[in-house]
Amino acid sequence: SFEFREKYGRRMRVATKYPNLTESFFLSKGVSQFRFTGSSELITDITSTGSTLKANNLRIINDGIILKSSACIFVSKKIKKNKFLNLLK
């Protein structure tokens, strides 16, 4: 962030749908001055395979993973196993 500002004379712009997570991540890395905008030099977003990143000539920066997560299905114990499996078909 500091190097970017020195080189370009302005703060780095960040595009994200997740401003709270992004801000927490930046603050944990000691970055305190940034702007969230529509056009930017840096994007925070969700990726699973990375194919969209590659197609757009983007990459995950070193130490740039904000959050690892997985999608899960939860079911009540009251639902019978067979009934639940039928819902998935």
N, C-alpha and C. Protein backbone atom coordinates (compact mmCIF):
# COMPACT_ATOMS: atom_id res chain seq x y z
N SER A 1 0.82 -1.19 0.00
CA SER A 1 0.00 0.00 0.00
C SER A 1 0.87 1.26 0.00
N PHE A 2 1.88 1.28 0.87
CA PHE A 2 2.77 2.43 0.95
C PHE A 2 3.55 2.58 -0.36
N GLU A 3 4.06 1.45 -0.88
CA GLU A 3 4.82 1.49 -2.13
C GLU A 3 3.95 1.96 -3.29
N PHE A 4 2.70 1.53 -3.32
CA PHE A 4 1.78 1.97 -4.37
C PHE A 4 1.58 3.47 -4.30
N ARG A 5 1.36 3.99 -3.10
CA ARG A 5 1.12 5.42 -2.92
C ARG A 5 2.35 6.24 -3.32
N GLU A 6 3.53 5.74 -2.97
CA GLU A 6 4.76 6.43 -3.35
C GLU A 6 4.92 6.47 -4.88
N LYS A 7 4.59 5.36 -5.53
CA LYS A 7 4.78 5.25 -6.98
C LYS A 7 3.74 6.05 -7.77
N TYR A 8 2.46 6.00 -7.35
CA TYR A 8 1.37 6.60 -8.12
C TYR A 8 0.79 7.88 -7.52
N GLY A 9 1.20 8.24 -6.31
CA GLY A 9 0.73 9.47 -5.69
C GLY A 9 -0.70 9.44 -5.21
N ARG A 10 -1.24 8.26 -5.01
CA ARG A 10 -2.61 8.10 -4.48
C ARG A 10 -2.72 6.77 -3.76
N ARG A 11 -3.82 6.64 -3.00
CA ARG A 11 -4.05 5.39 -2.27
C ARG A 11 -4.55 4.30 -3.22
N MET A 12 -4.25 3.06 -2.89
CA MET A 12 -4.73 1.94 -3.67
C MET A 12 -6.25 1.83 -3.53
N ARG A 13 -6.92 1.53 -4.64
CA ARG A 13 -8.38 1.37 -4.61
C ARG A 13 -8.72 -0.11 -4.58
N VAL A 14 -9.75 -0.45 -3.80
CA VAL A 14 -10.14 -1.84 -3.60
C VAL A 14 -11.60 -2.01 -3.98
N ALA A 15 -11.89 -3.01 -4.83
CA ALA A 15 -13.27 -3.35 -5.17
C ALA A 15 -13.64 -4.63 -4.42
N THR A 16 -14.80 -4.61 -3.75
CA THR A 16 -15.21 -5.79 -2.99
C THR A 16 -16.69 -5.77 -2.68
N LYS A 17 -17.26 -6.96 -2.53
CA LYS A 17 -18.62 -7.11 -2.01
C LYS A 17 -18.56 -7.40 -0.51
N TYR A 18 -17.35 -7.50 0.03
CA TYR A 18 -17.14 -7.90 1.41
C TYR A 18 -16.28 -6.88 2.16
N PRO A 19 -16.78 -5.65 2.34
CA PRO A 19 -15.95 -4.61 2.95
C PRO A 19 -15.53 -4.91 4.39
N ASN A 20 -16.38 -5.53 5.19
CA ASN A 20 -16.02 -5.81 6.59
C ASN A 20 -14.88 -6.82 6.69
N LEU A 21 -15.00 -7.93 5.94
CA LEU A 21 -13.93 -8.93 5.94
C LEU A 21 -12.63 -8.35 5.39
N THR A 22 -12.74 -7.57 4.31
CA THR A 22 -11.57 -6.98 3.68
C THR A 22 -10.88 -5.99 4.61
N GLU A 23 -11.67 -5.15 5.25
CA GLU A 23 -11.09 -4.17 6.17
C GLU A 23 -10.38 -4.86 7.33
N SER A 24 -11.01 -5.89 7.90
CA SER A 24 -10.38 -6.63 9.00
C SER A 24 -9.06 -7.26 8.56
N PHE A 25 -9.05 -7.82 7.35
CA PHE A 25 -7.84 -8.43 6.82
C PHE A 25 -6.74 -7.39 6.66
N PHE A 26 -7.06 -6.26 6.02
CA PHE A 26 -6.06 -5.22 5.82
C PHE A 26 -5.51 -4.70 7.14
N LEU A 27 -6.39 -4.45 8.09
CA LEU A 27 -5.94 -3.94 9.39
C LEU A 27 -5.03 -4.95 10.09
N SER A 28 -5.32 -6.25 9.93
CA SER A 28 -4.47 -7.28 10.55
C SER A 28 -3.08 -7.32 9.92
N LYS A 29 -2.96 -6.80 8.70
CA LYS A 29 -1.67 -6.75 8.00
C LYS A 29 -1.00 -5.40 8.13
N GLY A 30 -1.60 -4.49 8.91
CA GLY A 30 -1.00 -3.18 9.13
C GLY A 30 -1.33 -2.15 8.06
N VAL A 31 -2.28 -2.46 7.19
CA VAL A 31 -2.70 -1.51 6.14
C VAL A 31 -3.90 -0.75 6.66
N SER A 32 -3.78 0.56 6.80
CA SER A 32 -4.87 1.32 7.41
C SER A 32 -5.51 2.33 6.47
N GLN A 33 -4.90 2.60 5.33
CA GLN A 33 -5.48 3.58 4.41
C GLN A 33 -5.79 2.92 3.07
N PHE A 34 -7.07 2.78 2.78
CA PHE A 34 -7.51 2.21 1.51
C PHE A 34 -8.91 2.71 1.22
N ARG A 35 -9.30 2.66 -0.05
CA ARG A 35 -10.63 3.10 -0.46
C ARG A 35 -11.35 1.94 -1.14
N PHE A 36 -12.63 1.76 -0.83
CA PHE A 36 -13.45 0.80 -1.55
C PHE A 36 -14.12 1.53 -2.70
N THR A 37 -13.93 1.04 -3.93
CA THR A 37 -14.48 1.70 -5.11
C THR A 37 -14.97 0.67 -6.11
N GLY A 38 -15.53 1.16 -7.21
CA GLY A 38 -15.96 0.28 -8.30
C GLY A 38 -14.80 -0.10 -9.21
N SER A 39 -13.96 0.86 -9.55
CA SER A 39 -12.77 0.56 -10.36
C SER A 39 -11.57 0.54 -9.42
N SER A 40 -10.67 -0.42 -9.64
CA SER A 40 -9.64 -0.60 -8.62
C SER A 40 -8.39 -1.27 -9.16
N GLU A 41 -7.38 -1.28 -8.33
CA GLU A 41 -6.15 -2.02 -8.59
C GLU A 41 -6.18 -3.38 -7.89
N LEU A 42 -7.08 -3.54 -6.94
CA LEU A 42 -7.14 -4.75 -6.14
C LEU A 42 -8.60 -5.16 -5.96
N ILE A 43 -8.88 -6.46 -6.07
CA ILE A 43 -10.24 -6.99 -5.92
C ILE A 43 -10.23 -8.04 -4.82
N THR A 44 -11.24 -8.02 -3.95
CA THR A 44 -11.44 -9.15 -3.04
C THR A 44 -12.75 -9.80 -3.43
N ASP A 45 -12.70 -11.12 -3.67
CA ASP A 45 -13.88 -11.84 -4.12
C ASP A 45 -13.74 -13.31 -3.75
N ILE A 46 -14.78 -14.07 -4.00
CA ILE A 46 -14.78 -15.50 -3.74
C ILE A 46 -14.27 -16.23 -4.98
N THR A 47 -13.44 -17.24 -4.77
CA THR A 47 -13.00 -18.09 -5.87
C THR A 47 -12.95 -19.54 -5.39
N SER A 48 -13.23 -20.47 -6.29
CA SER A 48 -13.13 -21.87 -5.90
C SER A 48 -12.08 -22.60 -6.73
N THR A 49 -12.14 -22.50 -8.04
CA THR A 49 -11.17 -23.21 -8.87
C THR A 49 -10.05 -22.31 -9.37
N GLY A 50 -10.30 -21.01 -9.43
CA GLY A 50 -9.29 -20.09 -9.94
C GLY A 50 -9.35 -19.90 -11.44
N SER A 51 -10.27 -20.61 -12.13
CA SER A 51 -10.33 -20.50 -13.59
C SER A 51 -10.74 -19.10 -14.06
N THR A 52 -11.64 -18.44 -13.35
CA THR A 52 -12.03 -17.07 -13.71
C THR A 52 -10.86 -16.12 -13.51
N LEU A 53 -10.10 -16.33 -12.46
CA LEU A 53 -8.90 -15.50 -12.23
C LEU A 53 -7.94 -15.64 -13.40
N LYS A 54 -7.65 -16.87 -13.79
CA LYS A 54 -6.72 -17.11 -14.90
C LYS A 54 -7.24 -16.52 -16.20
N ALA A 55 -8.54 -16.68 -16.45
CA ALA A 55 -9.14 -16.16 -17.69
C ALA A 55 -9.03 -14.64 -17.78
N ASN A 56 -8.96 -13.97 -16.64
CA ASN A 56 -8.88 -12.50 -16.61
C ASN A 56 -7.49 -12.00 -16.23
N ASN A 57 -6.51 -12.90 -16.33
CA ASN A 57 -5.12 -12.55 -16.05
C ASN A 57 -4.94 -11.98 -14.64
N LEU A 58 -5.62 -12.60 -13.67
CA LEU A 58 -5.52 -12.20 -12.27
C LEU A 58 -4.87 -13.33 -11.48
N ARG A 59 -4.42 -13.02 -10.28
CA ARG A 59 -3.83 -14.05 -9.42
C ARG A 59 -4.07 -13.69 -7.96
N ILE A 60 -4.02 -14.69 -7.10
CA ILE A 60 -4.10 -14.45 -5.66
C ILE A 60 -2.71 -14.02 -5.21
N ILE A 61 -2.65 -12.91 -4.48
CA ILE A 61 -1.35 -12.42 -4.03
C ILE A 61 -0.84 -13.26 -2.86
N ASN A 62 0.47 -13.28 -2.67
CA ASN A 62 1.06 -14.00 -1.54
C ASN A 62 0.43 -13.50 -0.25
N ASP A 63 0.04 -14.41 0.61
CA ASP A 63 -0.58 -14.07 1.89
C ASP A 63 -1.88 -13.29 1.70
N GLY A 64 -2.59 -13.54 0.58
CA GLY A 64 -3.79 -12.78 0.27
C GLY A 64 -5.09 -13.51 0.53
N ILE A 65 -5.03 -14.69 1.12
CA ILE A 65 -6.27 -15.41 1.41
C ILE A 65 -6.89 -14.83 2.68
N ILE A 66 -8.09 -14.28 2.53
CA ILE A 66 -8.78 -13.63 3.64
C ILE A 66 -9.52 -14.65 4.50
N LEU A 67 -10.18 -15.61 3.85
CA LEU A 67 -11.02 -16.56 4.58
C LEU A 67 -11.15 -17.84 3.77
N LYS A 68 -10.95 -18.98 4.40
CA LYS A 68 -11.22 -20.26 3.77
C LYS A 68 -12.57 -20.74 4.29
N SER A 69 -13.41 -21.21 3.38
CA SER A 69 -14.74 -21.65 3.81
C SER A 69 -15.21 -22.81 2.95
N SER A 70 -16.31 -23.41 3.35
CA SER A 70 -16.93 -24.47 2.57
C SER A 70 -18.44 -24.37 2.73
N ALA A 71 -19.14 -24.83 1.71
CA ALA A 71 -20.61 -24.83 1.76
C ALA A 71 -21.06 -26.16 2.36
N CYS A 72 -22.01 -26.10 3.26
CA CYS A 72 -22.49 -27.29 3.95
C CYS A 72 -24.02 -27.34 3.93
N ILE A 73 -24.55 -28.54 3.98
CA ILE A 73 -25.99 -28.73 4.13
C ILE A 73 -26.22 -29.27 5.53
N PHE A 74 -27.13 -28.65 6.25
CA PHE A 74 -27.50 -29.11 7.59
C PHE A 74 -28.95 -29.56 7.56
N VAL A 75 -29.24 -30.63 8.26
CA VAL A 75 -30.60 -31.16 8.28
C VAL A 75 -30.98 -31.48 9.73
N SER A 76 -32.23 -31.25 10.02
CA SER A 76 -32.74 -31.53 11.36
C SER A 76 -32.73 -33.03 11.62
N LYS A 77 -32.48 -33.42 12.86
CA LYS A 77 -32.52 -34.83 13.24
C LYS A 77 -33.92 -35.39 13.09
N LYS A 78 -34.93 -34.53 13.05
CA LYS A 78 -36.32 -34.97 12.93
C LYS A 78 -36.64 -35.51 11.54
N ILE A 79 -35.87 -35.11 10.55
CA ILE A 79 -36.11 -35.58 9.18
C ILE A 79 -35.47 -36.95 9.02
N LYS A 80 -36.26 -37.89 8.50
CA LYS A 80 -35.73 -39.24 8.29
C LYS A 80 -34.70 -39.21 7.17
N LYS A 81 -33.68 -40.04 7.31
CA LYS A 81 -32.59 -40.08 6.34
C LYS A 81 -33.09 -40.30 4.92
N ASN A 82 -34.00 -41.25 4.71
CA ASN A 82 -34.51 -41.54 3.37
C ASN A 82 -35.26 -40.36 2.78
N LYS A 83 -36.03 -39.67 3.60
CA LYS A 83 -36.78 -38.50 3.13
C LYS A 83 -35.81 -37.41 2.66
N PHE A 84 -34.74 -37.22 3.40
CA PHE A 84 -33.74 -36.21 3.03
C PHE A 84 -33.04 -36.60 1.73
N LEU A 85 -32.65 -37.86 1.60
CA LEU A 85 -31.98 -38.31 0.38
C LEU A 85 -32.88 -38.15 -0.83
N ASN A 86 -34.18 -38.35 -0.67
CA ASN A 86 -35.12 -38.15 -1.78
C ASN A 86 -35.18 -36.69 -2.20
N LEU A 87 -35.01 -35.77 -1.27
CA LEU A 87 -35.00 -34.34 -1.60
C LEU A 87 -33.81 -33.98 -2.49
N LEU A 88 -32.71 -34.69 -2.33
CA LEU A 88 -31.51 -34.40 -3.10
C LEU A 88 -31.56 -34.94 -4.52
N LYS A 89 -32.47 -35.86 -4.79
CA LYS A 89 -32.55 -36.46 -6.13
C LYS A 89 -33.18 -35.54 -7.13
